[in-house]
C-alpha atoms as a PDB file:
ATOM      1  CA  UNK A   1      60.021 -44.568  21.002  1.00  0.00           C
ATOM      2  CA  UNK A   2      56.426 -43.741  21.376  1.00  0.00           C
ATOM      3  CA  UNK A   3      53.054 -45.638  20.436  1.00  0.00           C
ATOM      4  CA  UNK A   4      53.032 -43.013  17.716  1.00  0.00           C
ATOM      5  CA  UNK A   5      56.154 -44.031  16.391  1.00  0.00           C
ATOM      6  CA  UNK A   6      54.720 -47.870  16.398  1.00  0.00           C
ATOM      7  CA  UNK A   7      51.847 -46.898  14.231  1.00  0.00           C
ATOM      8  CA  UNK A   8      53.687 -45.669  11.447  1.00  0.00           C
ATOM      9  CA  UNK A   9      55.226 -49.188  10.694  1.00  0.00           C
ATOM     10  CA  UNK A  10      52.995 -51.395   8.663  1.00  0.00           C
ATOM     11  CA  UNK A  11      54.298 -54.224  10.748  1.00  0.00           C
ATOM     12  CA  UNK A  12      57.357 -54.353  13.589  1.00  0.00           C
ATOM     13  CA  UNK A  13      58.280 -56.918  16.377  1.00  0.00           C
ATOM     14  CA  UNK A  14      58.893 -55.178  19.591  1.00  0.00           C
ATOM     15  CA  UNK A  15      61.204 -56.827  22.304  1.00  0.00           C
ATOM     16  CA  UNK A  16      60.567 -55.019  25.587  1.00  0.00           C
ATOM     17  CA  UNK A  17      63.671 -55.885  27.955  1.00  0.00           C
ATOM     18  CA  UNK A  18      65.230 -54.483  31.000  1.00  0.00           C
ATOM     19  CA  UNK A  19      68.863 -53.730  31.999  1.00  0.00           C
ATOM     20  CA  UNK A  20      69.250 -56.856  34.130  1.00  0.00           C
ATOM     21  CA  UNK A  21      66.866 -59.407  32.025  1.00  0.00           C
ATOM     22  CA  UNK A  22      69.381 -61.689  30.819  1.00  0.00           C
ATOM     23  CA  UNK A  23      66.669 -63.685  29.183  1.00  0.00           C
ATOM     24  CA  UNK A  24      65.621 -60.801  26.784  1.00  0.00           C
ATOM     25  CA  UNK A  25      69.338 -60.656  25.780  1.00  0.00           C
ATOM     26  CA  UNK A  26      69.156 -64.031  24.748  1.00  0.00           C
ATOM     27  CA  UNK A  27      65.609 -64.032  23.112  1.00  0.00           C
ATOM     28  CA  UNK A  28      67.160 -61.104  20.931  1.00  0.00           C
ATOM     29  CA  UNK A  29      70.078 -63.121  19.727  1.00  0.00           C
ATOM     30  CA  UNK A  30      67.448 -65.689  18.394  1.00  0.00           C
ATOM     31  CA  UNK A  31      65.115 -63.390  17.010  1.00  0.00           C
ATOM     32  CA  UNK A  32      67.312 -61.160  14.791  1.00  0.00           C
ATOM     33  CA  UNK A  33      68.520 -64.341  12.573  1.00  0.00           C
ATOM     34  CA  UNK A  34      64.887 -65.517  12.383  1.00  0.00           C
ATOM     35  CA  UNK A  35      63.673 -62.111  11.316  1.00  0.00           C
ATOM     36  CA  UNK A  36      66.452 -61.696   8.816  1.00  0.00           C
ATOM     37  CA  UNK A  37      65.980 -65.256   7.092  1.00  0.00           C
ATOM     38  CA  UNK A  38      62.448 -65.171   7.060  1.00  0.00           C
ATOM     39  CA  UNK A  39      61.010 -61.639   7.142  1.00  0.00           C
ATOM     40  CA  UNK A  40      63.636 -59.245   6.214  1.00  0.00           C
ATOM     41  CA  UNK A  41      61.166 -56.268   5.745  1.00  0.00           C
ATOM     42  CA  UNK A  42      60.171 -56.715   9.270  1.00  0.00           C
ATOM     43  CA  UNK A  43      60.999 -53.734  11.418  1.00  0.00           C
ATOM     44  CA  UNK A  44      62.362 -55.077  14.888  1.00  0.00           C
ATOM     45  CA  UNK A  45      63.162 -53.021  17.729  1.00  0.00           C
ATOM     46  CA  UNK A  46      64.518 -53.854  21.135  1.00  0.00           C
ATOM     47  CA  UNK A  47      63.616 -51.529  23.877  1.00  0.00           C
ATOM     48  CA  UNK A  48      64.466 -51.065  27.536  1.00  0.00           C
ATOM     49  CA  UNK A  49      61.982 -49.788  29.681  1.00  0.00           C
ATOM     50  CA  UNK A  50      64.371 -47.809  31.636  1.00  0.00           C
ATOM     51  CA  UNK A  51      64.928 -45.870  28.322  1.00  0.00           C
ATOM     52  CA  UNK A  52      60.948 -45.245  27.793  1.00  0.00           C
ATOM     53  CA  UNK A  53      59.380 -44.956  31.074  1.00  0.00           C
ATOM     54  CA  UNK A  54      56.059 -43.582  29.187  1.00  0.00           C
ATOM     55  CA  UNK A  55      56.007 -46.931  27.321  1.00  0.00           C
ATOM     56  CA  UNK A  56      55.113 -49.009  30.366  1.00  0.00           C
ATOM     57  CA  UNK A  57      51.174 -47.344  30.497  1.00  0.00           C
ATOM     58  CA  UNK A  58      50.890 -46.660  26.876  1.00  0.00           C
ATOM     59  CA  UNK A  59      51.601 -50.681  25.819  1.00  0.00           C
ATOM     60  CA  UNK A  60      50.496 -51.699  29.340  1.00  0.00           C
ATOM     61  CA  UNK A  61      54.047 -53.693  29.830  1.00  0.00           C
ATOM     62  CA  UNK A  62      55.271 -53.768  33.267  1.00  0.00           C
ATOM     63  CA  UNK A  63      57.816 -56.794  33.266  1.00  0.00           C
ATOM     64  CA  UNK A  64      60.452 -58.311  31.142  1.00  0.00           C
ATOM     65  CA  UNK A  65      60.732 -59.954  28.429  1.00  0.00           C
ATOM     66  CA  UNK A  66      57.605 -59.031  26.500  1.00  0.00           C
ATOM     67  CA  UNK A  67      57.447 -59.493  23.015  1.00  0.00           C
ATOM     68  CA  UNK A  68      54.891 -57.471  20.957  1.00  0.00           C
ATOM     69  CA  UNK A  69      53.726 -57.489  17.289  1.00  0.00           C
ATOM     70  CA  UNK A  70      52.044 -54.783  15.859  1.00  0.00           C
ATOM     71  CA  UNK A  71      50.256 -54.788  12.005  1.00  0.00           C
ATOM     72  CA  UNK A  72      49.249 -51.666  11.038  1.00  0.00           C
ATOM     73  CA  UNK A  73      49.516 -50.133  14.357  1.00  0.00           C
ATOM     74  CA  UNK A  74      47.339 -52.830  15.869  1.00  0.00           C
ATOM     75  CA  UNK A  75      48.605 -54.905  18.323  1.00  0.00           C
ATOM     76  CA  UNK A  76      48.076 -58.471  17.188  1.00  0.00           C
ATOM     77  CA  UNK A  77      50.401 -60.710  19.331  1.00  0.00           C
ATOM     78  CA  UNK A  78      51.564 -60.470  22.960  1.00  0.00           C
ATOM     79  CA  UNK A  79      53.946 -62.794  24.742  1.00  0.00           C
ATOM     80  CA  UNK A  80      55.185 -62.140  28.399  1.00  0.00           C
ATOM     81  CA  UNK A  81      57.094 -64.053  30.436  1.00  0.00           C
ATOM     82  CA  UNK A  82      57.905 -67.779  29.846  1.00  0.00           C
ATOM     83  CA  UNK A  83      56.593 -68.958  26.298  1.00  0.00           C
ATOM     84  CA  UNK A  84      57.549 -71.040  23.619  1.00  0.00           C
ATOM     85  CA  UNK A  85      59.534 -69.305  20.804  1.00  0.00           C
ATOM     86  CA  UNK A  86      59.000 -71.750  18.411  1.00  0.00           C
ATOM     87  CA  UNK A  87      55.267 -71.252  18.725  1.00  0.00           C
ATOM     88  CA  UNK A  88      55.580 -67.586  18.570  1.00  0.00           C
ATOM     89  CA  UNK A  89      57.752 -67.981  15.374  1.00  0.00           C
ATOM     90  CA  UNK A  90      54.917 -70.094  14.259  1.00  0.00           C
ATOM     91  CA  UNK A  91      52.043 -67.394  15.218  1.00  0.00           C
ATOM     92  CA  UNK A  92      54.028 -64.358  13.305  1.00  0.00           C
ATOM     93  CA  UNK A  93      54.418 -66.169  10.440  1.00  0.00           C
ATOM     94  CA  UNK A  94      50.747 -66.590  10.080  1.00  0.00           C
ATOM     95  CA  UNK A  95      50.589 -62.751  10.888  1.00  0.00           C
ATOM     96  CA  UNK A  96      52.659 -62.035   8.268  1.00  0.00           C
ATOM     97  CA  UNK A  97      50.447 -64.198   5.594  1.00  0.00           C
END
């Protein structure tokens, strides 16, 4: 995935992970059902940095987990490291309205 591909979505939530990130797997398991039940039209993608090394520089992501929310090609939310998932859900709700 590239930044230009991200720009094609009206809204997309991206979880950036690494091969050895167990927290990333747990986040993915919580995010998928939440998106399906609250925003089924919201695009979601889990991206491993190892598979897309160019994204490190394009998105300025150098660690994992990182959660990025884009609306019309613009980054409107970034969460990295340790963050409250419940608070993040609230912030995404506000962005989607």
